[in-house]
Amino acid sequence: MKKLWVLPAALVLAGAVQGEVPRVVSKGPSACERLGRRLPNVTPPMCERSLLVESGAKSVNGTPLYMRDIGAGDAKLRVLVTGAIHGDELSSASVALHWMRLAAEEQVQMPQAVHWRFVPVLNPDGLFAQPPTRTNAHGVDLNRNFPTPNWERDAPVYWQKRTKKDPRRWPGPKPLSEPESRFLHEQMQSFKPHLIVAIHAPYGVLDFDGPSVPPSRLGRLYLDQVGIFPGSLGNYGGVHKGVPVVTVELPNALRTPLDAEMRQMWLDLLRWTAAKIPGDPR
């Protein structure tokens, strides 16, 4: 009979690197005050309870990129969850914060211990812009800036011919030209996730890239694979690095699903992860 691991509410790794003193967001001119004013279904106290810490990386405009680790540091299964790689997809950051709360506070049986790493706002400059922008402060679509093979040939051609030079989808001057995409790339190299969950909006579907059997649904979102793009995280992580990437496309960029629906999506994600993502061999 398999041993079932229960994720206890109090088991939290707050530092980006174990052994470092975490810098918690709840003091001073609070990032959580800004997030509470900007994000749907998030208040400053709720954000502060999430115990985000500075990762050490910063955006183009110098805004810290915050993160939180939850679970056992020696867990055999590591999952990286990101939100707001596009700054105008506000609901994606909100859902990441709500899932962090569920991961920390609810006891859920899993066949093996899981180390969760959450980066709820990967593009703070775009999120805090007036109005919010898909791109970062350099005007780069971070989800087209990852070093997929033949990026130098394919990414500019795709942007010019397929998007008609849409400024919201500019892939940048070269792969990993941006501090935000470099940070996520470094997280993939150092944290070595077995699964990446990227939260987006507003297409209302699930996408999947990489090995393993994709989830058929999370809550009310059903699988509908939308394609592969030069420089995208799904293309880089799932297709070329062999790390499954689940892309959650929420139905609305400015409004979260109901709390019960977000919880159901989380539970469905846990069930699928437990069944399909093996983690490190014992």
C-alpha atoms as a PDB file:
ATOM      1  CA  MET A   1       0.000   0.000   0.000  1.00  0.00           C
ATOM      2  CA  LYS A   2       1.395   3.396  -0.956  1.00  0.00           C
ATOM      3  CA  LYS A   3       2.286   5.805   1.792  1.00  0.00           C
ATOM      4  CA  LEU A   4       0.128   8.926   1.676  1.00  0.00           C
ATOM      5  CA  TRP A   5       1.782  12.231   2.469  1.00  0.00           C
ATOM      6  CA  VAL A   6      -0.302  14.924   4.117  1.00  0.00           C
ATOM      7  CA  LEU A   7       0.784  18.498   3.478  1.00  0.00           C
ATOM      8  CA  PRO A   8       0.573  20.164   6.910  1.00  0.00           C
ATOM      9  CA  ALA A   9      -0.517  23.767   7.118  1.00  0.00           C
ATOM     10  CA  ALA A  10       2.547  24.908   9.040  1.00  0.00           C
ATOM     11  CA  LEU A  11       5.191  23.295   6.811  1.00  0.00           C
ATOM     12  CA  VAL A  12       6.487  26.255   4.799  1.00  0.00           C
ATOM     13  CA  LEU A  13       9.892  27.008   3.288  1.00  0.00           C
ATOM     14  CA  ALA A  14       9.865  30.785   3.092  1.00  0.00           C
ATOM     15  CA  GLY A  15      13.318  31.514   1.658  1.00  0.00           C
ATOM     16  CA  ALA A  16      14.234  31.416  -2.002  1.00  0.00           C
ATOM     17  CA  VAL A  17      17.371  29.532  -0.948  1.00  0.00           C
ATOM     18  CA  GLN A  18      17.275  27.361   2.131  1.00  0.00           C
ATOM     19  CA  GLY A  19      19.348  28.835   4.933  1.00  0.00           C
ATOM     20  CA  GLU A  20      18.832  32.436   3.861  1.00  0.00           C
ATOM     21  CA  VAL A  21      16.830  34.810   6.037  1.00  0.00           C
ATOM     22  CA  PRO A  22      13.586  35.432   4.139  1.00  0.00           C
ATOM     23  CA  ARG A  23      12.502  38.983   3.416  1.00  0.00           C
ATOM     24  CA  VAL A  24       8.760  38.943   4.051  1.00  0.00           C
ATOM     25  CA  VAL A  25       6.519  41.395   2.229  1.00  0.00           C
ATOM     26  CA  SER A  26       4.382  42.423   5.178  1.00  0.00           C
ATOM     27  CA  LYS A  27       6.523  45.386   6.362  1.00  0.00           C
ATOM     28  CA  GLY A  28       7.096  48.910   5.090  1.00  0.00           C
ATOM     29  CA  PRO A  29       5.548  50.302   1.881  1.00  0.00           C
ATOM     30  CA  SER A  30       3.809  47.033   1.236  1.00  0.00           C
ATOM     31  CA  ALA A  31       3.799  45.267  -2.087  1.00  0.00           C
ATOM     32  CA  CYS A  32       0.675  43.607  -0.730  1.00  0.00           C
ATOM     33  CA  GLU A  33      -1.027  46.994  -0.426  1.00  0.00           C
ATOM     34  CA  ARG A  34      -0.367  47.554  -4.125  1.00  0.00           C
ATOM     35  CA  LEU A  35      -1.467  44.055  -5.060  1.00  0.00           C
ATOM     36  CA  GLY A  36      -4.598  44.345  -2.937  1.00  0.00           C
ATOM     37  CA  ARG A  37      -5.546  47.537  -4.764  1.00  0.00           C
ATOM     38  CA  ARG A  38      -4.831  46.091  -8.209  1.00  0.00           C
ATOM     39  CA  LEU A  39      -5.876  42.417  -8.154  1.00  0.00           C
ATOM     40  CA  PRO A  40      -9.446  41.108  -8.219  1.00  0.00           C
ATOM     41  CA  ASN A  41     -10.605  39.081  -5.212  1.00  0.00           C
ATOM     42  CA  VAL A  42      -7.418  39.862  -3.239  1.00  0.00           C
ATOM     43  CA  THR A  43      -7.100  42.124  -0.193  1.00  0.00           C
ATOM     44  CA  PRO A  44      -3.879  43.400   1.377  1.00  0.00           C
ATOM     45  CA  PRO A  45      -4.400  41.248   4.533  1.00  0.00           C
ATOM     46  CA  MET A  46      -4.985  38.148   2.420  1.00  0.00           C
ATOM     47  CA  CYS A  47      -1.826  38.885   0.442  1.00  0.00           C
ATOM     48  CA  GLU A  48       0.182  39.483   3.630  1.00  0.00           C
ATOM     49  CA  ARG A  49      -0.948  36.124   5.023  1.00  0.00           C
ATOM     50  CA  SER A  50       0.549  34.506   1.955  1.00  0.00           C
ATOM     51  CA  LEU A  51       4.046  35.259   3.367  1.00  0.00           C
ATOM     52  CA  LEU A  52       5.629  36.112   0.055  1.00  0.00           C
ATOM     53  CA  VAL A  53       9.358  36.743   0.109  1.00  0.00           C
ATOM     54  CA  GLU A  54      11.717  38.499  -2.256  1.00  0.00           C
ATOM     55  CA  SER A  55      13.412  36.058  -4.613  1.00  0.00           C
ATOM     56  CA  GLY A  56      16.437  38.299  -5.112  1.00  0.00           C
ATOM     57  CA  ALA A  57      15.490  38.976  -8.742  1.00  0.00           C
ATOM     58  CA  LYS A  58      13.931  42.217  -9.958  1.00  0.00           C
ATOM     59  CA  SER A  59      11.929  43.408 -12.928  1.00  0.00           C
ATOM     60  CA  VAL A  60      13.104  45.911 -15.534  1.00  0.00           C
ATOM     61  CA  ASN A  61      11.827  48.755 -13.319  1.00  0.00           C
ATOM     62  CA  GLY A  62      13.456  47.309 -10.215  1.00  0.00           C
ATOM     63  CA  THR A  63      10.357  45.754  -8.631  1.00  0.00           C
ATOM     64  CA  PRO A  64      11.221  42.619  -6.627  1.00  0.00           C
ATOM     65  CA  LEU A  65       9.896  39.318  -7.934  1.00  0.00           C
ATOM     66  CA  TYR A  66       8.201  37.589  -5.015  1.00  0.00           C
ATOM     67  CA  MET A  67       7.796  33.900  -4.374  1.00  0.00           C
ATOM     68  CA  ARG A  68       6.879  31.334  -1.757  1.00  0.00           C
ATOM     69  CA  ASP A  69       7.860  27.726  -1.174  1.00  0.00           C
ATOM     70  CA  ILE A  70       5.391  25.380   0.489  1.00  0.00           C
ATOM     71  CA  GLY A  71       6.093  21.780   1.447  1.00  0.00           C
ATOM     72  CA  ALA A  72       9.053  19.617   2.286  1.00  0.00           C
ATOM     73  CA  GLY A  73      12.376  20.786   0.884  1.00  0.00           C
ATOM     74  CA  ASP A  74      13.509  17.189   0.305  1.00  0.00           C
ATOM     75  CA  ALA A  75      10.266  16.214  -1.457  1.00  0.00           C
ATOM     76  CA  LYS A  76      10.670  13.974  -4.473  1.00  0.00           C
ATOM     77  CA  LEU A  77       8.069  15.928  -6.431  1.00  0.00           C
ATOM     78  CA  ARG A  78       8.613  19.622  -7.251  1.00  0.00           C
ATOM     79  CA  VAL A  79       5.986  21.836  -8.871  1.00  0.00           C
ATOM     80  CA  LEU A  80       6.492  25.421 -10.065  1.00  0.00           C
ATOM     81  CA  VAL A  81       3.368  27.612 -10.351  1.00  0.00           C
ATOM     82  CA  THR A  82       3.497  31.000 -12.094  1.00  0.00           C
ATOM     83  CA  GLY A  83       0.994  33.802 -12.596  1.00  0.00           C
ATOM     84  CA  ALA A  84       0.860  37.106 -14.478  1.00  0.00           C
ATOM     85  CA  ILE A  85       3.623  36.489 -16.990  1.00  0.00           C
ATOM     86  CA  HIS A  86       1.324  38.806 -18.935  1.00  0.00           C
ATOM     87  CA  GLY A  87       0.691  41.853 -16.789  1.00  0.00           C
ATOM     88  CA  ASP A  88      -2.835  42.487 -18.022  1.00  0.00           C
ATOM     89  CA  GLU A  89      -4.030  39.017 -16.950  1.00  0.00           C
ATOM     90  CA  LEU A  90      -4.771  40.158 -13.406  1.00  0.00           C
ATOM     91  CA  SER A  91      -6.912  37.187 -12.441  1.00  0.00           C
ATOM     92  CA  SER A  92      -3.982  34.823 -13.008  1.00  0.00           C
ATOM     93  CA  ALA A  93      -2.036  36.399 -10.133  1.00  0.00           C
ATOM     94  CA  SER A  94      -5.121  36.281  -7.918  1.00  0.00           C
ATOM     95  CA  VAL A  95      -5.675  32.580  -8.545  1.00  0.00           C
ATOM     96  CA  ALA A  96      -2.009  31.858  -7.812  1.00  0.00           C
ATOM     97  CA  LEU A  97      -2.391  33.603  -4.442  1.00  0.00           C
ATOM     98  CA  HIS A  98      -5.582  31.682  -3.647  1.00  0.00           C
ATOM     99  CA  TRP A  99      -3.902  28.392  -4.557  1.00  0.00           C
ATOM    100  CA  MET A 100      -1.000  29.309  -2.274  1.00  0.00           C
ATOM    101  CA  ARG A 101      -3.468  29.700   0.579  1.00  0.00           C
ATOM    102  CA  LEU A 102      -5.029  26.320  -0.174  1.00  0.00           C
ATOM    103  CA  ALA A 103      -1.616  24.638  -0.404  1.00  0.00           C
ATOM    104  CA  ALA A 104      -0.589  26.058   2.972  1.00  0.00           C
ATOM    105  CA  GLU A 105      -3.850  25.709   4.901  1.00  0.00           C
ATOM    106  CA  GLU A 106      -5.641  22.599   3.620  1.00  0.00           C
ATOM    107  CA  GLN A 107      -4.483  19.089   4.411  1.00  0.00           C
ATOM    108  CA  VAL A 108      -4.664  16.995   1.252  1.00  0.00           C
ATOM    109  CA  GLN A 109      -3.445  13.421   0.961  1.00  0.00           C
ATOM    110  CA  MET A 110      -0.871  12.875  -1.777  1.00  0.00           C
ATOM    111  CA  PRO A 111       1.026   9.662  -2.645  1.00  0.00           C
ATOM    112  CA  GLN A 112       4.325  11.497  -2.119  1.00  0.00           C
ATOM    113  CA  ALA A 113       5.449  14.757  -0.565  1.00  0.00           C
ATOM    114  CA  VAL A 114       5.292  17.805  -2.833  1.00  0.00           C
ATOM    115  CA  HIS A 115       7.472  20.912  -2.799  1.00  0.00           C
ATOM    116  CA  TRP A 116       5.457  23.761  -4.322  1.00  0.00           C
ATOM    117  CA  ARG A 117       7.111  26.947  -5.523  1.00  0.00           C
ATOM    118  CA  PHE A 118       4.774  29.845  -6.353  1.00  0.00           C
ATOM    119  CA  VAL A 119       5.694  32.969  -8.341  1.00  0.00           C
ATOM    120  CA  PRO A 120       2.312  34.746  -8.475  1.00  0.00           C
ATOM    121  CA  VAL A 121       3.412  37.883 -10.356  1.00  0.00           C
ATOM    122  CA  LEU A 122       6.159  37.295 -12.891  1.00  0.00           C
ATOM    123  CA  ASN A 123       5.564  40.595 -14.711  1.00  0.00           C
ATOM    124  CA  PRO A 124       4.958  43.256 -12.033  1.00  0.00           C
ATOM    125  CA  ASP A 125       5.839  46.168 -14.313  1.00  0.00           C
ATOM    126  CA  GLY A 126       3.109  45.180 -16.754  1.00  0.00           C
ATOM    127  CA  LEU A 127       0.657  44.460 -13.940  1.00  0.00           C
ATOM    128  CA  PHE A 128       1.172  47.828 -12.222  1.00  0.00           C
ATOM    129  CA  ALA A 129       1.243  49.866 -15.438  1.00  0.00           C
ATOM    130  CA  GLN A 130      -1.662  52.249 -16.098  1.00  0.00           C
ATOM    131  CA  PRO A 131      -3.420  50.536 -17.771  1.00  0.00           C
ATOM    132  CA  PRO A 132      -1.897  47.080 -17.225  1.00  0.00           C
ATOM    133  CA  THR A 133       0.064  45.740 -20.200  1.00  0.00           C
ATOM    134  CA  ARG A 134       0.685  42.259 -21.558  1.00  0.00           C
ATOM    135  CA  THR A 135       4.362  43.095 -22.056  1.00  0.00           C
ATOM    136  CA  ASN A 136       7.048  44.059 -19.556  1.00  0.00           C
ATOM    137  CA  ALA A 137       8.577  47.537 -19.234  1.00  0.00           C
ATOM    138  CA  HIS A 138      10.753  46.921 -22.314  1.00  0.00           C
ATOM    139  CA  GLY A 139       7.663  46.076 -24.362  1.00  0.00           C
ATOM    140  CA  VAL A 140       8.594  42.385 -24.542  1.00  0.00           C
ATOM    141  CA  ASP A 141       6.086  39.543 -24.427  1.00  0.00           C
ATOM    142  CA  LEU A 142       7.839  37.418 -21.799  1.00  0.00           C
ATOM    143  CA  ASN A 143       6.008  34.314 -23.001  1.00  0.00           C
ATOM    144  CA  ARG A 144       7.822  34.585 -26.337  1.00  0.00           C
ATOM    145  CA  ASN A 145      11.278  35.226 -24.845  1.00  0.00           C
ATOM    146  CA  PHE A 146      12.384  31.699 -23.876  1.00  0.00           C
ATOM    147  CA  PRO A 147      15.267  30.040 -25.779  1.00  0.00           C
ATOM    148  CA  THR A 148      13.429  27.553 -27.976  1.00  0.00           C
ATOM    149  CA  PRO A 149      15.536  26.019 -30.767  1.00  0.00           C
ATOM    150  CA  ASN A 150      15.997  28.316 -33.762  1.00  0.00           C
ATOM    151  CA  TRP A 151      14.550  31.243 -31.806  1.00  0.00           C
ATOM    152  CA  GLU A 152      16.645  33.778 -33.744  1.00  0.00           C
ATOM    153  CA  ARG A 153      15.080  32.559 -36.999  1.00  0.00           C
ATOM    154  CA  ASP A 154      11.552  31.568 -35.954  1.00  0.00           C
ATOM    155  CA  ALA A 155      10.493  34.085 -33.294  1.00  0.00           C
ATOM    156  CA  PRO A 156      11.023  37.274 -35.369  1.00  0.00           C
ATOM    157  CA  VAL A 157       9.434  35.690 -38.453  1.00  0.00           C
ATOM    158  CA  TYR A 158       6.410  34.559 -36.479  1.00  0.00           C
ATOM    159  CA  TRP A 159       6.046  38.029 -34.955  1.00  0.00           C
ATOM    160  CA  GLN A 160       6.377  39.807 -38.299  1.00  0.00           C
ATOM    161  CA  LYS A 161       4.273  37.512 -40.480  1.00  0.00           C
ATOM    162  CA  ARG A 162       1.776  35.804 -38.169  1.00  0.00           C
ATOM    163  CA  THR A 163       1.077  38.636 -35.712  1.00  0.00           C
ATOM    164  CA  LYS A 164       1.674  41.481 -38.214  1.00  0.00           C
ATOM    165  CA  LYS A 165       4.169  43.011 -35.771  1.00  0.00           C
ATOM    166  CA  ASP A 166       1.632  43.153 -32.971  1.00  0.00           C
ATOM    167  CA  PRO A 167       3.464  45.184 -30.270  1.00  0.00           C
ATOM    168  CA  ARG A 168       1.771  43.110 -27.553  1.00  0.00           C
ATOM    169  CA  ARG A 169       3.563  40.016 -28.860  1.00  0.00           C
ATOM    170  CA  TRP A 170       7.066  41.289 -29.581  1.00  0.00           C
ATOM    171  CA  PRO A 171       9.446  38.457 -28.559  1.00  0.00           C
ATOM    172  CA  GLY A 172      12.313  40.812 -27.745  1.00  0.00           C
ATOM    173  CA  PRO A 173      15.749  41.325 -29.307  1.00  0.00           C
ATOM    174  CA  LYS A 174      17.089  37.915 -28.263  1.00  0.00           C
ATOM    175  CA  PRO A 175      16.056  34.973 -26.089  1.00  0.00           C
ATOM    176  CA  LEU A 176      16.190  35.645 -22.338  1.00  0.00           C
ATOM    177  CA  SER A 177      16.828  39.332 -22.962  1.00  0.00           C
ATOM    178  CA  GLU A 178      14.570  40.225 -20.016  1.00  0.00           C
ATOM    179  CA  PRO A 179      15.289  39.886 -16.276  1.00  0.00           C
ATOM    180  CA  GLU A 180      11.867  38.337 -15.668  1.00  0.00           C
ATOM    181  CA  SER A 181      12.279  35.560 -18.238  1.00  0.00           C
ATOM    182  CA  ARG A 182      15.869  34.986 -17.072  1.00  0.00           C
ATOM    183  CA  PHE A 183      14.579  34.589 -13.512  1.00  0.00           C
ATOM    184  CA  LEU A 184      12.069  31.928 -14.527  1.00  0.00           C
ATOM    185  CA  HIS A 185      14.680  30.177 -16.661  1.00  0.00           C
ATOM    186  CA  GLU A 186      17.037  30.129 -13.672  1.00  0.00           C
ATOM    187  CA  GLN A 187      14.248  28.724 -11.489  1.00  0.00           C
ATOM    188  CA  MET A 188      13.804  25.883 -13.962  1.00  0.00           C
ATOM    189  CA  GLN A 189      17.518  25.135 -13.796  1.00  0.00           C
ATOM    190  CA  SER A 190      17.945  25.363 -10.014  1.00  0.00           C
ATOM    191  CA  PHE A 191      14.571  24.169  -8.697  1.00  0.00           C
ATOM    192  CA  LYS A 192      14.307  21.469 -11.392  1.00  0.00           C
ATOM    193  CA  PRO A 193      10.512  21.187 -11.360  1.00  0.00           C
ATOM    194  CA  HIS A 194       8.805  18.001 -12.474  1.00  0.00           C
ATOM    195  CA  LEU A 195       5.777  20.074 -13.458  1.00  0.00           C
ATOM    196  CA  ILE A 196       5.155  23.715 -14.369  1.00  0.00           C
ATOM    197  CA  VAL A 197       1.694  25.238 -14.023  1.00  0.00           C
ATOM    198  CA  ALA A 198       1.351  28.578 -15.827  1.00  0.00           C
ATOM    199  CA  ILE A 199      -1.822  30.541 -15.067  1.00  0.00           C
ATOM    200  CA  HIS A 200      -3.121  32.830 -17.825  1.00  0.00           C
ATOM    201  CA  ALA A 201      -6.378  34.399 -19.052  1.00  0.00           C
ATOM    202  CA  PRO A 202      -8.827  34.913 -20.791  1.00  0.00           C
ATOM    203  CA  TYR A 203      -9.458  31.976 -23.178  1.00  0.00           C
ATOM    204  CA  GLY A 204     -11.210  29.685 -20.693  1.00  0.00           C
ATOM    205  CA  VAL A 205      -9.413  26.447 -21.631  1.00  0.00           C
ATOM    206  CA  LEU A 206      -6.557  24.177 -20.583  1.00  0.00           C
ATOM    207  CA  ASP A 207      -3.442  23.816 -22.707  1.00  0.00           C
ATOM    208  CA  PHE A 208      -0.660  21.275 -22.240  1.00  0.00           C
ATOM    209  CA  ASP A 209       2.839  20.707 -23.596  1.00  0.00           C
ATOM    210  CA  GLY A 210       5.301  17.942 -22.904  1.00  0.00           C
ATOM    211  CA  PRO A 211       5.327  14.338 -21.771  1.00  0.00           C
ATOM    212  CA  SER A 212       2.671  12.645 -19.640  1.00  0.00           C
ATOM    213  CA  VAL A 213      -1.066  12.426 -20.181  1.00  0.00           C
ATOM    214  CA  PRO A 214      -2.577  15.927 -19.952  1.00  0.00           C
ATOM    215  CA  PRO A 215      -5.382  16.702 -17.519  1.00  0.00           C
ATOM    216  CA  SER A 216      -8.747  16.510 -19.255  1.00  0.00           C
ATOM    217  CA  ARG A 217     -10.184  19.257 -17.054  1.00  0.00           C
ATOM    218  CA  LEU A 218      -9.539  21.506 -14.063  1.00  0.00           C
ATOM    219  CA  GLY A 219     -12.828  22.626 -12.607  1.00  0.00           C
ATOM    220  CA  ARG A 220     -14.857  23.897 -15.551  1.00  0.00           C
ATOM    221  CA  LEU A 221     -11.855  24.288 -17.827  1.00  0.00           C
ATOM    222  CA  TYR A 222     -11.430  21.553 -20.438  1.00  0.00           C
ATOM    223  CA  LEU A 223      -8.370  20.578 -22.440  1.00  0.00           C
ATOM    224  CA  ASP A 224      -8.093  22.389 -25.765  1.00  0.00           C
ATOM    225  CA  GLN A 225      -4.499  22.547 -26.926  1.00  0.00           C
ATOM    226  CA  VAL A 226      -4.041  25.842 -28.742  1.00  0.00           C
ATOM    227  CA  GLY A 227      -0.709  25.369 -30.517  1.00  0.00           C
ATOM    228  CA  ILE A 228       3.021  25.865 -30.123  1.00  0.00           C
ATOM    229  CA  PHE A 229       4.684  29.273 -30.413  1.00  0.00           C
ATOM    230  CA  PRO A 230       8.370  30.207 -30.809  1.00  0.00           C
ATOM    231  CA  GLY A 231       9.791  31.340 -27.466  1.00  0.00           C
ATOM    232  CA  SER A 232       6.814  30.298 -25.331  1.00  0.00           C
ATOM    233  CA  LEU A 233       7.226  28.644 -21.942  1.00  0.00           C
ATOM    234  CA  GLY A 234       5.157  25.661 -23.040  1.00  0.00           C
ATOM    235  CA  ASN A 235       7.313  25.189 -26.124  1.00  0.00           C
ATOM    236  CA  TYR A 236      10.581  25.590 -24.225  1.00  0.00           C
ATOM    237  CA  GLY A 237       9.719  23.688 -21.053  1.00  0.00           C
ATOM    238  CA  GLY A 238       7.289  21.094 -22.333  1.00  0.00           C
ATOM    239  CA  VAL A 239       8.501  20.310 -25.846  1.00  0.00           C
ATOM    240  CA  HIS A 240      12.257  20.892 -25.613  1.00  0.00           C
ATOM    241  CA  LYS A 241      13.076  20.307 -21.944  1.00  0.00           C
ATOM    242  CA  GLY A 242      10.605  17.506 -21.323  1.00  0.00           C
ATOM    243  CA  VAL A 243       8.986  19.174 -18.301  1.00  0.00           C
ATOM    244  CA  PRO A 244       5.185  18.972 -18.494  1.00  0.00           C
ATOM    245  CA  VAL A 245       3.649  22.446 -18.704  1.00  0.00           C
ATOM    246  CA  VAL A 246      -0.021  22.872 -17.827  1.00  0.00           C
ATOM    247  CA  THR A 247      -1.314  26.222 -19.061  1.00  0.00           C
ATOM    248  CA  VAL A 248      -4.455  27.323 -17.249  1.00  0.00           C
ATOM    249  CA  GLU A 249      -6.399  29.880 -19.298  1.00  0.00           C
ATOM    250  CA  LEU A 250      -8.963  31.452 -16.978  1.00  0.00           C
ATOM    251  CA  PRO A 251     -12.162  32.731 -18.597  1.00  0.00           C
ATOM    252  CA  ASN A 252     -11.713  36.364 -17.553  1.00  0.00           C
ATOM    253  CA  ALA A 253      -8.572  38.481 -17.133  1.00  0.00           C
ATOM    254  CA  LEU A 254     -10.184  40.941 -14.711  1.00  0.00           C
ATOM    255  CA  ARG A 255     -12.355  38.656 -12.591  1.00  0.00           C
ATOM    256  CA  THR A 256     -11.505  35.425 -10.799  1.00  0.00           C
ATOM    257  CA  PRO A 257     -13.724  32.351 -10.781  1.00  0.00           C
ATOM    258  CA  LEU A 258     -15.787  31.906  -7.634  1.00  0.00           C
ATOM    259  CA  ASP A 259     -13.847  30.709  -4.589  1.00  0.00           C
ATOM    260  CA  ALA A 260     -15.475  27.272  -4.786  1.00  0.00           C
ATOM    261  CA  GLU A 261     -14.461  26.944  -8.434  1.00  0.00           C
ATOM    262  CA  MET A 262     -10.851  27.944  -7.698  1.00  0.00           C
ATOM    263  CA  ARG A 263     -10.754  25.302  -4.975  1.00  0.00           C
ATOM    264  CA  GLN A 264     -12.170  22.672  -7.335  1.00  0.00           C
ATOM    265  CA  MET A 265      -9.534  23.541  -9.931  1.00  0.00           C
ATOM    266  CA  TRP A 266      -6.861  23.155  -7.251  1.00  0.00           C
ATOM    267  CA  LEU A 267      -8.192  19.763  -6.125  1.00  0.00           C
ATOM    268  CA  ASP A 268      -8.380  18.542  -9.725  1.00  0.00           C
ATOM    269  CA  LEU A 269      -4.784  19.679 -10.249  1.00  0.00           C
ATOM    270  CA  LEU A 270      -3.688  17.758  -7.157  1.00  0.00           C
ATOM    271  CA  ARG A 271      -5.458  14.578  -8.273  1.00  0.00           C
ATOM    272  CA  TRP A 272      -3.967  14.706 -11.743  1.00  0.00           C
ATOM    273  CA  THR A 273      -0.490  15.515 -10.397  1.00  0.00           C
ATOM    274  CA  ALA A 274      -0.646  12.605  -7.960  1.00  0.00           C
ATOM    275  CA  ALA A 275      -1.695  10.228 -10.730  1.00  0.00           C
ATOM    276  CA  LYS A 276       0.497  11.357 -13.632  1.00  0.00           C
ATOM    277  CA  ILE A 277       3.650  13.142 -12.376  1.00  0.00           C
ATOM    278  CA  PRO A 278       6.083  10.656 -10.816  1.00  0.00           C
ATOM    279  CA  GLY A 279       8.744  12.931  -9.307  1.00  0.00           C
ATOM    280  CA  ASP A 280      12.266  11.720  -8.533  1.00  0.00           C
ATOM    281  CA  PRO A 281      12.819   7.955  -8.308  1.00  0.00           C
ATOM    282  CA  ARG A 282      13.022   6.646  -4.758  1.00  0.00           C
END
